[in-house]
Amino acid sequence: MATGRGRSLGELIRSGNRSFSFEFFPPKDEAGEEQLWNAIRALEPYRPTFVSVTYGAGGTNRDKTVAITGRIARETSLIPMAHLTCVGHTREELGEILDSYVEAGVSHVMALRGDPKEGPRADWTPTVGGLNYAVELVELARARGDFRVGVAAFPEGHPSAASLDDDADVLCAKAAAGAEFAVTQMFFRASDYFGLVERVRDRGVDIPILPGIMPILNLSAIRRQGELIGTSVPDDVVARISAFDGDPAAVRAEGIKIAAELCEELLDGGAPGLHFYTLNRSKATLEIFEQLQITV
């Protein structure tokens, strides 16, 4: 796995070494903070290419995101990438947030339009004096300081996209604006990921696209989340998980197995790496690593 604070994440992902990265979210209390740092310490020995810290729906948790990414930069060997969204901020405020990341020693940001507080399927309401699209945030970050920028990608299309082709056009526009790599939303069919990559490559754009992985540990919970972000759980996956209904340990084991199979198919098919949505826990990711025979 490639690390190195002197190189951009885009360069590291393109280097030919498989990239492994982890996503965390700002905790709500002291117990959550301890859980987060336990997960970071458990995963740090695997030398991930980067770790990202999310930004709450509607632009919440801003200060915690800045604080956590700054602490990761100061106290660990990891490269932190901070999420930043357009939601609820003016252009001036976004510039100030970027400045605060510079002061915290963070030089990589994930530029997102973001979701309204009501959720990703709610109507988008622009902030007066703010930005409407992620591509504008990419441009702002690239123009303000030496930021290296990642963006989101959607194997099954963004919920508001008119079509998969339209969605691919948006990702290509973000690449043209200066985004160095993309990370996908969670998905469960490798064909959806490879279809997205093919659409982008057909447009002459070679931006690296990291697949986002979230194992199914609870079928109803993952279905609810999938409905919100436009991700479907395939019937064959539902059948495999449902076969163990009533046995949480068996459901979890099958979910880990399915995730590991997906990871293997993605890597065998040429994906440049894997990005794990950890939910601030390390156990599931480490179990997937064990099945993939990834060691420290």
Protein backbone atom coordinates (compact mmCIF):
# COMPACT_ATOMS: atom_id res chain seq x y z
CA MET A 1 0.00 0.00 0.00
CA ALA A 2 1.30 3.40 -0.90
CA THR A 3 1.76 6.25 1.52
CA GLY A 4 3.83 9.40 1.42
CA ARG A 5 2.91 12.85 2.61
CA GLY A 6 4.94 14.52 -0.10
CA ARG A 7 2.78 13.21 -2.96
CA SER A 8 -0.83 13.95 -3.84
CA LEU A 9 -3.44 11.25 -3.44
CA GLY A 10 -4.07 11.34 -7.17
CA GLU A 11 -0.39 10.51 -7.76
CA LEU A 12 -0.42 7.78 -5.10
CA ILE A 13 -3.53 6.13 -6.53
CA ARG A 14 -2.07 6.25 -10.04
CA SER A 15 1.26 4.80 -8.86
CA GLY A 16 0.21 1.23 -9.62
CA ASN A 17 0.10 0.07 -6.01
CA ARG A 18 -3.38 -0.88 -4.86
CA SER A 19 -4.90 1.88 -2.76
CA PHE A 20 -6.76 1.08 0.45
CA SER A 21 -8.52 3.87 2.31
CA PHE A 22 -10.98 4.28 5.16
CA GLU A 23 -13.80 6.71 5.86
CA PHE A 24 -14.84 7.95 9.30
CA PHE A 25 -17.41 10.42 10.57
CA PRO A 26 -17.27 13.02 13.40
CA PRO A 27 -18.45 11.36 16.64
CA LYS A 28 -21.26 12.86 18.73
CA ASP A 29 -19.85 12.27 22.21
CA GLU A 30 -16.79 11.15 24.19
CA ALA A 31 -17.62 7.45 23.82
CA GLY A 32 -17.89 7.92 20.08
CA GLU A 33 -14.59 9.79 20.06
CA GLU A 34 -12.87 6.90 21.80
CA GLN A 35 -14.42 4.41 19.36
CA LEU A 36 -13.22 6.50 16.43
CA TRP A 37 -9.63 6.68 17.62
CA ASN A 38 -9.60 2.98 18.48
CA ALA A 39 -10.63 2.29 14.89
CA ILE A 40 -7.99 4.64 13.49
CA ARG A 41 -5.27 3.01 15.60
CA ALA A 42 -6.39 -0.49 14.58
CA LEU A 43 -6.33 0.38 10.88
CA GLU A 44 -3.21 2.59 10.80
CA PRO A 45 -0.77 -0.39 10.66
CA TYR A 46 -2.30 -1.31 7.26
CA ARG A 47 -0.79 1.91 5.90
CA PRO A 48 -3.84 3.17 4.02
CA THR A 49 -3.29 5.62 1.19
CA PHE A 50 -5.56 8.05 3.04
CA VAL A 51 -8.38 8.33 5.56
CA SER A 52 -11.34 10.62 5.03
CA VAL A 53 -13.60 12.35 7.53
CA THR A 54 -17.16 13.15 6.53
CA TYR A 55 -19.17 16.32 6.86
CA GLY A 56 -22.68 16.04 8.30
CA ALA A 57 -25.87 16.38 6.25
CA GLY A 58 -26.78 20.02 5.83
CA GLY A 59 -23.23 21.10 6.59
CA THR A 60 -23.22 20.08 10.25
CA ASN A 61 -20.18 18.90 12.25
CA ARG A 62 -17.89 21.32 10.41
CA ASP A 63 -15.72 22.14 13.44
CA LYS A 64 -15.38 18.48 14.42
CA THR A 65 -14.35 17.52 10.91
CA VAL A 66 -11.65 20.20 10.94
CA ALA A 67 -10.48 19.14 14.42
CA ILE A 68 -10.35 15.41 13.62
CA THR A 69 -8.53 15.81 10.30
CA GLY A 70 -6.07 18.17 11.95
CA ARG A 71 -5.38 15.70 14.74
CA ILE A 72 -4.88 12.87 12.24
CA ALA A 73 -2.37 15.07 10.38
CA ARG A 74 -0.50 15.89 13.62
CA GLU A 75 -0.59 12.62 15.53
CA THR A 76 -0.55 9.82 12.95
CA SER A 77 1.36 8.75 9.86
CA LEU A 78 -1.87 8.91 7.84
CA ILE A 79 -2.87 11.34 5.11
CA PRO A 80 -6.23 12.86 6.09
CA MET A 81 -8.78 14.03 3.56
CA ALA A 82 -11.53 16.31 4.85
CA HIS A 83 -14.98 16.38 3.32
CA LEU A 84 -16.43 19.76 2.39
CA THR A 85 -19.95 20.44 1.10
CA CYS A 86 -21.74 23.37 -0.48
CA VAL A 87 -24.75 22.99 1.82
CA GLY A 88 -25.53 25.90 4.11
CA HIS A 89 -22.41 27.95 3.35
CA THR A 90 -21.68 31.07 1.35
CA ARG A 91 -18.68 31.18 -0.96
CA GLU A 92 -16.90 33.34 1.63
CA GLU A 93 -17.59 30.84 4.42
CA LEU A 94 -16.33 27.97 2.27
CA GLY A 95 -13.12 29.92 1.69
CA GLU A 96 -12.73 30.38 5.44
CA ILE A 97 -13.24 26.65 6.03
CA LEU A 98 -10.55 25.90 3.45
CA ASP A 99 -8.25 28.31 5.27
CA SER A 100 -8.93 26.46 8.53
CA TYR A 101 -7.90 23.20 6.87
CA VAL A 102 -4.64 24.80 5.77
CA GLU A 103 -4.00 25.89 9.35
CA ALA A 104 -4.74 22.34 10.55
CA GLY A 105 -2.18 20.89 8.12
CA VAL A 106 -4.78 19.31 5.82
CA SER A 107 -4.16 19.65 2.09
CA HIS A 108 -6.64 17.14 0.62
CA VAL A 109 -10.38 17.76 0.46
CA MET A 110 -13.34 15.77 -0.83
CA ALA A 111 -15.48 18.36 -2.63
CA LEU A 112 -19.18 17.51 -2.54
CA ARG A 113 -22.38 19.31 -3.29
CA GLY A 114 -23.71 17.60 -0.19
CA ASP A 115 -27.18 16.62 0.92
CA PRO A 116 -29.87 18.87 2.38
CA LYS A 117 -30.66 18.25 6.04
CA GLU A 118 -33.80 16.43 4.90
CA GLY A 119 -31.69 13.88 3.03
CA PRO A 120 -30.27 13.23 -0.46
CA ARG A 121 -33.70 12.93 -2.10
CA ALA A 122 -34.95 16.27 -0.77
CA ASP A 123 -35.20 19.23 -3.14
CA TRP A 124 -31.96 21.16 -3.47
CA THR A 125 -32.23 24.71 -2.13
CA PRO A 126 -29.20 26.89 -2.89
CA THR A 127 -27.68 28.98 -0.12
CA VAL A 128 -27.78 32.68 -0.92
CA GLY A 129 -24.25 33.65 -1.87
CA GLY A 130 -23.23 29.99 -2.00
CA LEU A 131 -22.47 27.35 -4.61
CA ASN A 132 -24.87 25.06 -6.44
CA TYR A 133 -22.62 22.31 -7.77
CA ALA A 134 -19.66 20.24 -6.63
CA VAL A 135 -17.73 21.35 -9.72
CA GLU A 136 -17.82 24.94 -8.40
CA LEU A 137 -16.41 23.74 -5.07
CA VAL A 138 -13.62 21.90 -6.90
CA GLU A 139 -12.75 25.15 -8.68
CA LEU A 140 -12.83 27.12 -5.43
CA ALA A 141 -10.57 24.66 -3.60
CA ARG A 142 -8.10 24.49 -6.47
CA ALA A 143 -7.94 28.28 -6.63
CA ARG A 144 -7.48 28.77 -2.89
CA GLY A 145 -4.23 27.33 -1.64
CA ASP A 146 -2.46 24.17 -2.71
CA PHE A 147 -5.43 21.82 -2.27
CA ARG A 148 -5.62 18.44 -3.93
CA VAL A 149 -9.23 17.49 -4.53
CA GLY A 150 -11.27 14.29 -4.60
CA VAL A 151 -14.92 14.02 -5.63
CA ALA A 152 -17.85 11.61 -5.38
CA ALA A 153 -18.95 9.18 -8.09
CA PHE A 154 -22.18 7.21 -8.42
CA PRO A 155 -22.12 3.74 -10.04
CA GLU A 156 -25.92 3.68 -10.23
CA GLY A 157 -26.22 7.40 -10.93
CA HIS A 158 -26.85 10.29 -8.55
CA PRO A 159 -30.52 10.39 -7.45
CA SER A 160 -30.96 13.73 -9.22
CA ALA A 161 -29.15 12.76 -12.44
CA ALA A 162 -31.28 12.62 -15.60
CA SER A 163 -29.45 9.49 -16.79
CA LEU A 164 -26.29 7.48 -16.30
CA ASP A 165 -24.73 9.36 -19.23
CA ASP A 166 -25.62 12.69 -17.65
CA ASP A 167 -24.10 11.49 -14.39
CA ALA A 168 -20.88 10.53 -16.19
CA ASP A 169 -20.76 13.97 -17.82
CA VAL A 170 -20.89 15.57 -14.37
CA LEU A 171 -17.98 13.46 -13.11
CA CYS A 172 -15.96 14.36 -16.20
CA ALA A 173 -16.68 18.04 -15.60
CA LYS A 174 -15.36 17.72 -12.05
CA ALA A 175 -12.19 16.10 -13.41
CA ALA A 176 -11.79 18.96 -15.92
CA ALA A 177 -12.16 21.44 -13.04
CA GLY A 178 -9.17 19.87 -11.26
CA ALA A 179 -10.40 16.84 -9.31
CA GLU A 180 -7.59 14.25 -9.11
CA PHE A 181 -9.61 11.16 -8.21
CA ALA A 182 -13.13 10.00 -7.32
CA VAL A 183 -14.62 7.73 -4.67
CA THR A 184 -17.92 5.99 -5.33
CA GLN A 185 -20.99 5.64 -3.19
CA MET A 186 -21.51 2.14 -1.85
CA PHE A 187 -22.79 -0.43 -4.34
CA PHE A 188 -23.16 -4.19 -4.52
CA ARG A 189 -22.68 -5.14 -8.19
CA ALA A 190 -19.22 -4.95 -9.71
CA SER A 191 -20.88 -4.43 -13.10
CA ASP A 192 -22.28 -1.08 -11.91
CA TYR A 193 -18.78 0.11 -11.02
CA PHE A 194 -17.20 -1.09 -14.26
CA GLY A 195 -20.06 0.46 -16.24
CA LEU A 196 -19.32 3.84 -14.67
CA VAL A 197 -15.60 3.52 -15.39
CA GLU A 198 -16.35 2.60 -19.01
CA ARG A 199 -18.67 5.61 -19.48
CA VAL A 200 -16.01 7.96 -18.11
CA ARG A 201 -13.20 6.41 -20.18
CA ASP A 202 -15.37 6.61 -23.31
CA ARG A 203 -15.40 10.38 -22.74
CA GLY A 204 -11.60 10.47 -22.80
CA VAL A 205 -11.23 11.05 -19.04
CA ASP A 206 -8.78 8.91 -17.07
CA ILE A 207 -9.54 10.07 -13.51
CA PRO A 208 -8.94 7.17 -11.07
CA ILE A 209 -12.22 5.95 -9.54
CA LEU A 210 -12.03 4.14 -6.19
CA PRO A 211 -14.95 1.82 -5.41
CA GLY A 212 -16.65 2.48 -2.07
CA ILE A 213 -17.34 -0.64 0.02
CA MET A 214 -19.83 -1.07 2.84
CA PRO A 215 -20.48 -4.63 4.03
CA ILE A 216 -24.06 -5.64 4.77
CA LEU A 217 -24.16 -6.36 8.49
CA ASN A 218 -27.88 -5.58 8.82
CA LEU A 219 -30.09 -5.98 5.74
CA SER A 220 -32.89 -3.60 6.76
CA ALA A 221 -30.44 -0.84 7.70
CA ILE A 222 -28.51 -1.11 4.44
CA ARG A 223 -31.75 -1.14 2.45
CA ARG A 224 -32.90 2.08 4.13
CA GLN A 225 -29.60 3.77 3.40
CA GLY A 226 -29.60 2.45 -0.15
CA GLU A 227 -33.05 3.87 -0.80
CA LEU A 228 -31.84 7.29 0.31
CA ILE A 229 -28.77 7.41 -1.92
CA GLY A 230 -30.14 5.46 -4.88
CA THR A 231 -28.29 2.20 -4.32
CA SER A 232 -30.16 -1.07 -4.80
CA VAL A 233 -29.42 -4.33 -3.04
CA PRO A 234 -29.49 -7.08 -5.72
CA ASP A 235 -32.00 -9.92 -5.31
CA ASP A 236 -29.28 -12.57 -5.12
CA VAL A 237 -27.57 -10.68 -2.28
CA VAL A 238 -30.90 -10.31 -0.45
CA ALA A 239 -31.49 -14.05 -0.82
CA ARG A 240 -28.07 -14.93 0.56
CA ILE A 241 -28.47 -12.63 3.57
CA SER A 242 -32.13 -13.56 4.18
CA ALA A 243 -31.20 -17.24 4.38
CA PHE A 244 -29.72 -16.45 7.80
CA ASP A 245 -32.59 -14.28 9.04
CA GLY A 246 -32.88 -14.50 12.83
CA ASP A 247 -29.17 -15.28 13.31
CA PRO A 248 -27.33 -11.92 13.49
CA ALA A 249 -23.89 -13.55 13.68
CA ALA A 250 -24.55 -15.62 10.56
CA VAL A 251 -26.00 -12.58 8.74
CA ARG A 252 -22.86 -10.64 9.59
CA ALA A 253 -20.57 -13.47 8.43
CA GLU A 254 -22.42 -13.76 5.10
CA GLY A 255 -22.33 -9.97 4.67
CA ILE A 256 -18.56 -9.97 5.17
CA LYS A 257 -18.19 -12.85 2.71
CA ILE A 258 -20.26 -11.03 0.06
CA ALA A 259 -18.22 -7.85 0.53
CA ALA A 260 -14.94 -9.77 0.21
CA GLU A 261 -16.17 -11.43 -2.99
CA LEU A 262 -17.10 -8.01 -4.41
CA CYS A 263 -13.69 -6.60 -3.45
CA GLU A 264 -11.91 -9.49 -5.13
CA GLU A 265 -13.95 -9.08 -8.33
CA LEU A 266 -13.25 -5.35 -8.39
CA LEU A 267 -9.50 -5.74 -7.89
CA ASP A 268 -9.28 -8.56 -10.43
CA GLY A 269 -11.13 -6.34 -12.90
CA GLY A 270 -8.64 -3.50 -12.57
CA ALA A 271 -10.02 -1.22 -9.84
CA PRO A 272 -7.13 0.90 -8.49
CA GLY A 273 -8.03 0.06 -4.89
CA LEU A 274 -10.82 -0.03 -2.32
CA HIS A 275 -12.38 2.62 -0.08
CA PHE A 276 -14.09 1.28 3.06
CA TYR A 277 -17.00 2.98 4.80
CA THR A 278 -16.06 1.96 8.34
CA LEU A 279 -18.88 3.53 10.40
CA ASN A 280 -16.05 4.34 12.84
CA ARG A 281 -15.36 0.67 13.55
CA SER A 282 -12.45 -1.44 12.38
CA LYS A 283 -13.71 -4.99 12.88
CA ALA A 284 -15.66 -5.50 9.64
CA THR A 285 -12.91 -3.99 7.49
CA LEU A 286 -10.29 -6.17 9.17
CA GLU A 287 -12.46 -9.25 8.60
CA ILE A 288 -12.70 -8.40 4.90
CA PHE A 289 -8.92 -7.92 4.80
CA GLU A 290 -8.49 -11.34 6.38
CA GLN A 291 -10.62 -12.96 3.68
CA LEU A 292 -8.67 -11.09 0.98
CA GLN A 293 -5.41 -12.14 2.69
CA ILE A 294 -4.34 -8.51 3.13
CA THR A 295 -1.89 -8.31 6.02
CA VAL A 296 0.04 -5.61 7.85
